[in-house]
Amino acid sequence: PGRLELRKYNPILRKYTLHKEIK
């Protein structure tokens, strides 16, 4: 769940994690 929280708090990380999740 830590990653989910980071995505919500960090817009830049959100894009980065989204890319990683899609790949």
Protein backbone atom coordinates (compact mmCIF):
# COMPACT_ATOMS: atom_id res chain seq x y z
CA PRO A 1 0.00 0.00 0.00
CA GLY A 2 3.02 2.29 0.39
CA ARG A 3 3.31 2.68 -3.36
CA LEU A 4 -0.35 3.68 -3.64
CA GLU A 5 0.13 6.39 -1.03
CA LEU A 6 3.22 7.68 -2.79
CA ARG A 7 1.28 7.94 -6.02
CA LYS A 8 -1.41 10.02 -4.33
CA TYR A 9 1.07 12.34 -2.65
CA ASN A 10 3.55 12.61 -5.54
CA PRO A 11 2.16 13.50 -8.98
CA ILE A 12 5.52 12.84 -10.63
CA LEU A 13 5.90 9.48 -8.91
CA ARG A 14 2.31 8.76 -9.86
CA LYS A 15 3.23 8.96 -13.54
CA TYR A 16 6.35 6.88 -12.96
CA THR A 17 4.51 4.19 -11.06
CA LEU A 18 1.69 4.18 -13.58
CA HIS A 19 4.20 3.51 -16.35
CA LYS A 20 5.76 0.72 -14.32
CA GLU A 21 2.37 -0.78 -13.58
CA ILE A 22 1.29 -0.66 -17.22
CA LYS A 23 4.52 -2.30 -18.38
